mmCIF file of all heavy atoms, coordinates in Angstrom:
data_MODEL
# 
_entry.id   MODEL 
# 
loop_
_atom_site.group_PDB 
_atom_site.id 
_atom_site.type_symbol 
_atom_site.label_atom_id 
_atom_site.label_alt_id 
_atom_site.label_comp_id 
_atom_site.label_asym_id 
_atom_site.label_entity_id 
_atom_site.label_seq_id 
_atom_site.pdbx_PDB_ins_code 
_atom_site.Cartn_x 
_atom_site.Cartn_y 
_atom_site.Cartn_z 
_atom_site.occupancy 
_atom_site.B_iso_or_equiv 
_atom_site.pdbx_formal_charge 
_atom_site.auth_seq_id 
_atom_site.auth_comp_id 
_atom_site.auth_asym_id 
_atom_site.auth_atom_id 
_atom_site.pdbx_PDB_model_num 
ATOM 1   N N   . GLY A 1 1  ? 24.386 11.790 2.064  1.00 0.00 ? 1  GLY A N   1 
ATOM 2   C CA  . GLY A 1 1  ? 23.525 12.685 1.292  1.00 0.00 ? 1  GLY A CA  1 
ATOM 3   C C   . GLY A 1 1  ? 22.371 11.917 0.671  1.00 0.00 ? 1  GLY A C   1 
ATOM 4   O O   . GLY A 1 1  ? 22.575 10.839 0.085  1.00 0.00 ? 1  GLY A O   1 
ATOM 5   N N   . VAL A 1 2  ? 21.126 12.454 0.790  1.00 0.00 ? 2  VAL A N   1 
ATOM 6   C CA  . VAL A 1 2  ? 19.940 11.814 0.222  1.00 0.00 ? 2  VAL A CA  1 
ATOM 7   C C   . VAL A 1 2  ? 19.280 12.792 -0.746 1.00 0.00 ? 2  VAL A C   1 
ATOM 8   O O   . VAL A 1 2  ? 19.541 14.000 -0.726 1.00 0.00 ? 2  VAL A O   1 
ATOM 9   C CB  . VAL A 1 2  ? 18.958 11.375 1.320  1.00 0.00 ? 2  VAL A CB  1 
ATOM 10  C CG1 . VAL A 1 2  ? 19.612 10.382 2.261  1.00 0.00 ? 2  VAL A CG1 1 
ATOM 11  C CG2 . VAL A 1 2  ? 18.448 12.589 2.110  1.00 0.00 ? 2  VAL A CG2 1 
ATOM 12  N N   . ALA A 1 3  ? 18.402 12.238 -1.579 1.00 0.00 ? 3  ALA A N   1 
ATOM 13  C CA  . ALA A 1 3  ? 17.758 13.051 -2.609 1.00 0.00 ? 3  ALA A CA  1 
ATOM 14  C C   . ALA A 1 3  ? 16.734 14.001 -2.000 1.00 0.00 ? 3  ALA A C   1 
ATOM 15  O O   . ALA A 1 3  ? 16.145 13.731 -0.931 1.00 0.00 ? 3  ALA A O   1 
ATOM 16  C CB  . ALA A 1 3  ? 17.108 12.141 -3.638 1.00 0.00 ? 3  ALA A CB  1 
ATOM 17  N N   . TYR A 1 4  ? 16.543 15.126 -2.662 1.00 0.00 ? 4  TYR A N   1 
ATOM 18  C CA  . TYR A 1 4  ? 15.492 16.059 -2.262 1.00 0.00 ? 4  TYR A CA  1 
ATOM 19  C C   . TYR A 1 4  ? 14.142 15.350 -2.384 1.00 0.00 ? 4  TYR A C   1 
ATOM 20  O O   . TYR A 1 4  ? 13.902 14.585 -3.315 1.00 0.00 ? 4  TYR A O   1 
ATOM 21  C CB  . TYR A 1 4  ? 15.520 17.302 -3.136 1.00 0.00 ? 4  TYR A CB  1 
ATOM 22  C CG  . TYR A 1 4  ? 16.478 18.360 -2.642 1.00 0.00 ? 4  TYR A CG  1 
ATOM 23  C CD1 . TYR A 1 4  ? 17.786 18.395 -3.113 1.00 0.00 ? 4  TYR A CD1 1 
ATOM 24  C CD2 . TYR A 1 4  ? 16.074 19.300 -1.700 1.00 0.00 ? 4  TYR A CD2 1 
ATOM 25  C CE1 . TYR A 1 4  ? 18.668 19.360 -2.671 1.00 0.00 ? 4  TYR A CE1 1 
ATOM 26  C CE2 . TYR A 1 4  ? 16.955 20.271 -1.253 1.00 0.00 ? 4  TYR A CE2 1 
ATOM 27  C CZ  . TYR A 1 4  ? 18.256 20.304 -1.732 1.00 0.00 ? 4  TYR A CZ  1 
ATOM 28  O OH  . TYR A 1 4  ? 19.124 21.255 -1.279 1.00 0.00 ? 4  TYR A OH  1 
ATOM 29  N N   . GLY A 1 5  ? 13.270 15.640 -1.438 1.00 0.00 ? 5  GLY A N   1 
ATOM 30  C CA  . GLY A 1 5  ? 11.959 15.008 -1.402 1.00 0.00 ? 5  GLY A CA  1 
ATOM 31  C C   . GLY A 1 5  ? 11.894 13.809 -0.487 1.00 0.00 ? 5  GLY A C   1 
ATOM 32  O O   . GLY A 1 5  ? 10.809 13.247 -0.276 1.00 0.00 ? 5  GLY A O   1 
ATOM 33  N N   . SER A 1 6  ? 13.046 13.390 0.074  1.00 0.00 ? 6  SER A N   1 
ATOM 34  C CA  . SER A 1 6  ? 13.049 12.252 0.993  1.00 0.00 ? 6  SER A CA  1 
ATOM 35  C C   . SER A 1 6  ? 12.498 12.668 2.347  1.00 0.00 ? 6  SER A C   1 
ATOM 36  O O   . SER A 1 6  ? 12.623 13.830 2.767  1.00 0.00 ? 6  SER A O   1 
ATOM 37  C CB  . SER A 1 6  ? 14.471 11.715 1.162  1.00 0.00 ? 6  SER A CB  1 
ATOM 38  O OG  . SER A 1 6  ? 15.018 11.332 -0.079 1.00 0.00 ? 6  SER A OG  1 
ATOM 39  N N   . ASP A 1 7  ? 11.865 11.728 3.035  1.00 0.00 ? 7  ASP A N   1 
ATOM 40  C CA  . ASP A 1 7  ? 11.333 11.964 4.372  1.00 0.00 ? 7  ASP A CA  1 
ATOM 41  C C   . ASP A 1 7  ? 12.496 11.977 5.357  1.00 0.00 ? 7  ASP A C   1 
ATOM 42  O O   . ASP A 1 7  ? 13.170 10.958 5.577  1.00 0.00 ? 7  ASP A O   1 
ATOM 43  C CB  . ASP A 1 7  ? 10.339 10.867 4.738  1.00 0.00 ? 7  ASP A CB  1 
ATOM 44  C CG  . ASP A 1 7  ? 9.568  11.195 6.022  1.00 0.00 ? 7  ASP A CG  1 
ATOM 45  O OD1 . ASP A 1 7  ? 10.010 12.103 6.758  1.00 0.00 ? 7  ASP A OD1 1 
ATOM 46  O OD2 . ASP A 1 7  ? 8.549  10.529 6.272  1.00 0.00 ? 7  ASP A OD2 1 
ATOM 47  N N   . VAL A 1 8  ? 12.753 13.135 5.970  1.00 0.00 ? 8  VAL A N   1 
ATOM 48  C CA  . VAL A 1 8  ? 13.925 13.259 6.837  1.00 0.00 ? 8  VAL A CA  1 
ATOM 49  C C   . VAL A 1 8  ? 13.794 12.373 8.076  1.00 0.00 ? 8  VAL A C   1 
ATOM 50  O O   . VAL A 1 8  ? 14.806 11.905 8.613  1.00 0.00 ? 8  VAL A O   1 
ATOM 51  C CB  . VAL A 1 8  ? 14.138 14.738 7.228  1.00 0.00 ? 8  VAL A CB  1 
ATOM 52  C CG1 . VAL A 1 8  ? 14.505 15.565 6.013  1.00 0.00 ? 8  VAL A CG1 1 
ATOM 53  C CG2 . VAL A 1 8  ? 12.909 15.318 7.921  1.00 0.00 ? 8  VAL A CG2 1 
ATOM 54  N N   . GLU A 1 9  ? 12.574 12.156 8.538  1.00 0.00 ? 9  GLU A N   1 
ATOM 55  C CA  . GLU A 1 9  ? 12.404 11.281 9.698  1.00 0.00 ? 9  GLU A CA  1 
ATOM 56  C C   . GLU A 1 9  ? 12.762 9.842  9.340  1.00 0.00 ? 9  GLU A C   1 
ATOM 57  O O   . GLU A 1 9  ? 13.374 9.110  10.130 1.00 0.00 ? 9  GLU A O   1 
ATOM 58  C CB  . GLU A 1 9  ? 10.972 11.364 10.216 1.00 0.00 ? 9  GLU A CB  1 
ATOM 59  C CG  . GLU A 1 9  ? 10.615 12.725 10.807 1.00 0.00 ? 9  GLU A CG  1 
ATOM 60  C CD  . GLU A 1 9  ? 11.459 13.036 12.033 1.00 0.00 ? 9  GLU A CD  1 
ATOM 61  O OE1 . GLU A 1 9  ? 11.874 12.069 12.738 1.00 0.00 ? 9  GLU A OE1 1 
ATOM 62  O OE2 . GLU A 1 9  ? 11.712 14.226 12.288 1.00 0.00 ? 9  GLU A OE2 1 
ATOM 63  N N   . GLN A 1 10 ? 12.367 9.421  8.118  1.00 0.00 ? 10 GLN A N   1 
ATOM 64  C CA  . GLN A 1 10 ? 12.740 8.083  7.675  1.00 0.00 ? 10 GLN A CA  1 
ATOM 65  C C   . GLN A 1 10 ? 14.257 7.971  7.497  1.00 0.00 ? 10 GLN A C   1 
ATOM 66  O O   . GLN A 1 10 ? 14.857 6.922  7.780  1.00 0.00 ? 10 GLN A O   1 
ATOM 67  C CB  . GLN A 1 10 ? 12.020 7.764  6.360  1.00 0.00 ? 10 GLN A CB  1 
ATOM 68  C CG  . GLN A 1 10 ? 10.512 7.665  6.479  1.00 0.00 ? 10 GLN A CG  1 
ATOM 69  C CD  . GLN A 1 10 ? 10.103 6.464  7.337  1.00 0.00 ? 10 GLN A CD  1 
ATOM 70  O OE1 . GLN A 1 10 ? 10.724 5.409  7.293  1.00 0.00 ? 10 GLN A OE1 1 
ATOM 71  N NE2 . GLN A 1 10 ? 9.023  6.644  8.106  1.00 0.00 ? 10 GLN A NE2 1 
ATOM 72  N N   . VAL A 1 11 ? 14.858 9.050  7.027  1.00 0.00 ? 11 VAL A N   1 
ATOM 73  C CA  . VAL A 1 11 ? 16.321 9.043  6.891  1.00 0.00 ? 11 VAL A CA  1 
ATOM 74  C C   . VAL A 1 11 ? 16.980 8.856  8.246  1.00 0.00 ? 11 VAL A C   1 
ATOM 75  O O   . VAL A 1 11 ? 17.927 8.078  8.408  1.00 0.00 ? 11 VAL A O   1 
ATOM 76  C CB  . VAL A 1 11 ? 16.793 10.350 6.218  1.00 0.00 ? 11 VAL A CB  1 
ATOM 77  C CG1 . VAL A 1 11 ? 18.312 10.444 6.233  1.00 0.00 ? 11 VAL A CG1 1 
ATOM 78  C CG2 . VAL A 1 11 ? 16.268 10.437 4.804  1.00 0.00 ? 11 VAL A CG2 1 
ATOM 79  N N   . LYS A 1 12 ? 16.487 9.580  9.250  1.00 0.00 ? 12 LYS A N   1 
ATOM 80  C CA  . LYS A 1 12 ? 17.055 9.461  10.591 1.00 0.00 ? 12 LYS A CA  1 
ATOM 81  C C   . LYS A 1 12 ? 16.895 8.044  11.127 1.00 0.00 ? 12 LYS A C   1 
ATOM 82  O O   . LYS A 1 12 ? 17.838 7.469  11.705 1.00 0.00 ? 12 LYS A O   1 
ATOM 83  C CB  . LYS A 1 12 ? 16.369 10.463 11.515 1.00 0.00 ? 12 LYS A CB  1 
ATOM 84  C CG  . LYS A 1 12 ? 16.937 10.490 12.921 1.00 0.00 ? 12 LYS A CG  1 
ATOM 85  C CD  . LYS A 1 12 ? 16.265 11.568 13.760 1.00 0.00 ? 12 LYS A CD  1 
ATOM 86  C CE  . LYS A 1 12 ? 16.845 11.608 15.156 1.00 0.00 ? 12 LYS A CE  1 
ATOM 87  N NZ  . LYS A 1 12 ? 16.198 12.665 15.982 1.00 0.00 ? 12 LYS A NZ  1 
ATOM 88  N N   . LYS A 1 13 ? 15.703 7.448  10.930 1.00 0.00 ? 13 LYS A N   1 
ATOM 89  C CA  . LYS A 1 13 ? 15.486 6.075  11.396 1.00 0.00 ? 13 LYS A CA  1 
ATOM 90  C C   . LYS A 1 13 ? 16.418 5.097  10.687 1.00 0.00 ? 13 LYS A C   1 
ATOM 91  O O   . LYS A 1 13 ? 16.973 4.177  11.308 1.00 0.00 ? 13 LYS A O   1 
ATOM 92  C CB  . LYS A 1 13 ? 14.028 5.679  11.173 1.00 0.00 ? 13 LYS A CB  1 
ATOM 93  C CG  . LYS A 1 13 ? 13.044 6.416  12.054 1.00 0.00 ? 13 LYS A CG  1 
ATOM 94  C CD  . LYS A 1 13 ? 11.628 5.944  11.768 1.00 0.00 ? 13 LYS A CD  1 
ATOM 95  C CE  . LYS A 1 13 ? 10.604 6.680  12.635 1.00 0.00 ? 13 LYS A CE  1 
ATOM 96  N NZ  . LYS A 1 13 ? 9.219  6.230  12.343 1.00 0.00 ? 13 LYS A NZ  1 
ATOM 97  N N   . ALA A 1 14 ? 16.599 5.288  9.371  1.00 0.00 ? 14 ALA A N   1 
ATOM 98  C CA  . ALA A 1 14 ? 17.457 4.373  8.608  1.00 0.00 ? 14 ALA A CA  1 
ATOM 99  C C   . ALA A 1 14 ? 18.906 4.449  9.083  1.00 0.00 ? 14 ALA A C   1 
ATOM 100 O O   . ALA A 1 14 ? 19.587 3.423  9.236  1.00 0.00 ? 14 ALA A O   1 
ATOM 101 C CB  . ALA A 1 14 ? 17.365 4.691  7.119  1.00 0.00 ? 14 ALA A CB  1 
ATOM 102 N N   . LEU A 1 15 ? 19.385 5.658  9.342  1.00 0.00 ? 15 LEU A N   1 
ATOM 103 C CA  . LEU A 1 15 ? 20.774 5.808  9.768  1.00 0.00 ? 15 LEU A CA  1 
ATOM 104 C C   . LEU A 1 15 ? 20.982 5.261  11.177 1.00 0.00 ? 15 LEU A C   1 
ATOM 105 O O   . LEU A 1 15 ? 21.988 4.585  11.458 1.00 0.00 ? 15 LEU A O   1 
ATOM 106 C CB  . LEU A 1 15 ? 21.188 7.280  9.715  1.00 0.00 ? 15 LEU A CB  1 
ATOM 107 C CG  . LEU A 1 15 ? 21.207 7.924  8.322  1.00 0.00 ? 15 LEU A CG  1 
ATOM 108 C CD1 . LEU A 1 15 ? 21.630 9.382  8.409  1.00 0.00 ? 15 LEU A CD1 1 
ATOM 109 C CD2 . LEU A 1 15 ? 22.136 7.158  7.389  1.00 0.00 ? 15 LEU A CD2 1 
ATOM 110 N N   . LEU A 1 16 ? 20.036 5.514  12.096 1.00 0.00 ? 16 LEU A N   1 
ATOM 111 C CA  . LEU A 1 16 ? 20.175 4.987  13.454 1.00 0.00 ? 16 LEU A CA  1 
ATOM 112 C C   . LEU A 1 16 ? 20.076 3.468  13.468 1.00 0.00 ? 16 LEU A C   1 
ATOM 113 O O   . LEU A 1 16 ? 20.777 2.791  14.242 1.00 0.00 ? 16 LEU A O   1 
ATOM 114 C CB  . LEU A 1 16 ? 19.108 5.599  14.359 1.00 0.00 ? 16 LEU A CB  1 
ATOM 115 C CG  . LEU A 1 16 ? 19.283 7.091  14.677 1.00 0.00 ? 16 LEU A CG  1 
ATOM 116 C CD1 . LEU A 1 16 ? 18.110 7.590  15.523 1.00 0.00 ? 16 LEU A CD1 1 
ATOM 117 C CD2 . LEU A 1 16 ? 20.602 7.342  15.403 1.00 0.00 ? 16 LEU A CD2 1 
ATOM 118 N N   . ALA A 1 17 ? 19.227 2.911  12.596 1.00 0.00 ? 17 ALA A N   1 
ATOM 119 C CA  . ALA A 1 17 ? 19.109 1.455  12.524 1.00 0.00 ? 17 ALA A CA  1 
ATOM 120 C C   . ALA A 1 17 ? 20.420 0.822  12.049 1.00 0.00 ? 17 ALA A C   1 
ATOM 121 O O   . ALA A 1 17 ? 20.852 -0.210 12.568 1.00 0.00 ? 17 ALA A O   1 
ATOM 122 C CB  . ALA A 1 17 ? 17.965 1.071  11.587 1.00 0.00 ? 17 ALA A CB  1 
ATOM 123 N N   . ALA A 1 18 ? 21.066 1.471  11.083 1.00 0.00 ? 18 ALA A N   1 
ATOM 124 C CA  . ALA A 1 18 ? 22.345 0.948  10.607 1.00 0.00 ? 18 ALA A CA  1 
ATOM 125 C C   . ALA A 1 18 ? 23.404 1.032  11.695 1.00 0.00 ? 18 ALA A C   1 
ATOM 126 O O   . ALA A 1 18 ? 24.249 0.123  11.848 1.00 0.00 ? 18 ALA A O   1 
ATOM 127 C CB  . ALA A 1 18 ? 22.788 1.714  9.366  1.00 0.00 ? 18 ALA A CB  1 
ATOM 128 N N   . ALA A 1 19 ? 23.414 2.126  12.482 1.00 0.00 ? 19 ALA A N   1 
ATOM 129 C CA  . ALA A 1 19 ? 24.412 2.289  13.528 1.00 0.00 ? 19 ALA A CA  1 
ATOM 130 C C   . ALA A 1 19 ? 24.211 1.282  14.654 1.00 0.00 ? 19 ALA A C   1 
ATOM 131 O O   . ALA A 1 19 ? 25.175 0.681  15.151 1.00 0.00 ? 19 ALA A O   1 
ATOM 132 C CB  . ALA A 1 19 ? 24.366 3.713  14.076 1.00 0.00 ? 19 ALA A CB  1 
ATOM 133 N N   . LYS A 1 20 ? 22.957 1.057  15.064 1.00 0.00 ? 20 LYS A N   1 
ATOM 134 C CA  . LYS A 1 20 ? 22.688 0.145  16.176 1.00 0.00 ? 20 LYS A CA  1 
ATOM 135 C C   . LYS A 1 20 ? 22.962 -1.312 15.811 1.00 0.00 ? 20 LYS A C   1 
ATOM 136 O O   . LYS A 1 20 ? 23.215 -2.139 16.698 1.00 0.00 ? 20 LYS A O   1 
ATOM 137 C CB  . LYS A 1 20 ? 21.237 0.292  16.624 1.00 0.00 ? 20 LYS A CB  1 
ATOM 138 C CG  . LYS A 1 20 ? 20.917 1.656  17.227 1.00 0.00 ? 20 LYS A CG  1 
ATOM 139 C CD  . LYS A 1 20 ? 19.445 1.759  17.589 1.00 0.00 ? 20 LYS A CD  1 
ATOM 140 C CE  . LYS A 1 20 ? 19.115 3.130  18.149 1.00 0.00 ? 20 LYS A CE  1 
ATOM 141 N NZ  . LYS A 1 20 ? 17.667 3.269  18.470 1.00 0.00 ? 20 LYS A NZ  1 
ATOM 142 N N   . SER A 1 21 ? 22.920 -1.621 14.531 1.00 0.00 ? 21 SER A N   1 
ATOM 143 C CA  . SER A 1 21 ? 23.133 -3.009 14.120 1.00 0.00 ? 21 SER A CA  1 
ATOM 144 C C   . SER A 1 21 ? 24.602 -3.413 14.156 1.00 0.00 ? 21 SER A C   1 
ATOM 145 O O   . SER A 1 21 ? 24.916 -4.601 14.068 1.00 0.00 ? 21 SER A O   1 
ATOM 146 C CB  . SER A 1 21 ? 22.592 -3.229 12.706 1.00 0.00 ? 21 SER A CB  1 
ATOM 147 O OG  . SER A 1 21 ? 23.317 -2.454 11.759 1.00 0.00 ? 21 SER A OG  1 
ATOM 148 N N   . HIS A 1 22 ? 25.517 -2.450 14.273 1.00 0.00 ? 22 HIS A N   1 
ATOM 149 C CA  . HIS A 1 22 ? 26.942 -2.792 14.291 1.00 0.00 ? 22 HIS A CA  1 
ATOM 150 C C   . HIS A 1 22 ? 27.363 -3.130 15.720 1.00 0.00 ? 22 HIS A C   1 
ATOM 151 O O   . HIS A 1 22 ? 27.124 -2.359 16.645 1.00 0.00 ? 22 HIS A O   1 
ATOM 152 C CB  . HIS A 1 22 ? 27.774 -1.619 13.766 1.00 0.00 ? 22 HIS A CB  1 
ATOM 153 C CG  . HIS A 1 22 ? 29.149 -2.014 13.341 1.00 0.00 ? 22 HIS A CG  1 
ATOM 154 N ND1 . HIS A 1 22 ? 30.138 -2.339 14.237 1.00 0.00 ? 22 HIS A ND1 1 
ATOM 155 C CD2 . HIS A 1 22 ? 29.695 -2.159 12.102 1.00 0.00 ? 22 HIS A CD2 1 
ATOM 156 C CE1 . HIS A 1 22 ? 31.238 -2.650 13.590 1.00 0.00 ? 22 HIS A CE1 1 
ATOM 157 N NE2 . HIS A 1 22 ? 30.999 -2.545 12.287 1.00 0.00 ? 22 HIS A NE2 1 
ATOM 158 N N   . PRO A 1 23 ? 28.015 -4.271 15.937 1.00 0.00 ? 23 PRO A N   1 
ATOM 159 C CA  . PRO A 1 23 ? 28.335 -4.678 17.317 1.00 0.00 ? 23 PRO A CA  1 
ATOM 160 C C   . PRO A 1 23 ? 29.411 -3.817 17.973 1.00 0.00 ? 23 PRO A C   1 
ATOM 161 O O   . PRO A 1 23 ? 29.512 -3.816 19.207 1.00 0.00 ? 23 PRO A O   1 
ATOM 162 C CB  . PRO A 1 23 ? 28.822 -6.124 17.135 1.00 0.00 ? 23 PRO A CB  1 
ATOM 163 C CG  . PRO A 1 23 ? 29.307 -6.203 15.727 1.00 0.00 ? 23 PRO A CG  1 
ATOM 164 C CD  . PRO A 1 23 ? 28.409 -5.280 14.944 1.00 0.00 ? 23 PRO A CD  1 
ATOM 165 N N   . GLU A 1 24 ? 30.250 -3.120 17.223 1.00 0.00 ? 24 GLU A N   1 
ATOM 166 C CA  . GLU A 1 24 ? 31.332 -2.339 17.807 1.00 0.00 ? 24 GLU A CA  1 
ATOM 167 C C   . GLU A 1 24 ? 30.948 -0.882 18.037 1.00 0.00 ? 24 GLU A C   1 
ATOM 168 O O   . GLU A 1 24 ? 31.790 -0.095 18.490 1.00 0.00 ? 24 GLU A O   1 
ATOM 169 C CB  . GLU A 1 24 ? 32.573 -2.415 16.918 1.00 0.00 ? 24 GLU A CB  1 
ATOM 170 C CG  . GLU A 1 24 ? 33.152 -3.812 16.791 1.00 0.00 ? 24 GLU A CG  1 
ATOM 171 C CD  . GLU A 1 24 ? 34.480 -3.821 16.073 1.00 0.00 ? 24 GLU A CD  1 
ATOM 172 O OE1 . GLU A 1 24 ? 35.395 -3.118 16.529 1.00 0.00 ? 24 GLU A OE1 1 
ATOM 173 O OE2 . GLU A 1 24 ? 34.600 -4.523 15.052 1.00 0.00 ? 24 GLU A OE2 1 
ATOM 174 N N   . VAL A 1 25 ? 29.723 -0.496 17.722 1.00 0.00 ? 25 VAL A N   1 
ATOM 175 C CA  . VAL A 1 25 ? 29.251 0.857  17.995 1.00 0.00 ? 25 VAL A CA  1 
ATOM 176 C C   . VAL A 1 25 ? 28.665 0.885  19.404 1.00 0.00 ? 25 VAL A C   1 
ATOM 177 O O   . VAL A 1 25 ? 27.810 0.060  19.759 1.00 0.00 ? 25 VAL A O   1 
ATOM 178 C CB  . VAL A 1 25 ? 28.199 1.297  16.953 1.00 0.00 ? 25 VAL A CB  1 
ATOM 179 C CG1 . VAL A 1 25 ? 27.589 2.632  17.350 1.00 0.00 ? 25 VAL A CG1 1 
ATOM 180 C CG2 . VAL A 1 25 ? 28.839 1.391  15.580 1.00 0.00 ? 25 VAL A CG2 1 
# 
């Protein structure tokens, strides 16, 4: 969950970046 007013595209990029950085994903 993120705060209202956040850029949803930036949220998507941040979450995908975290997922791709894990070696077991």
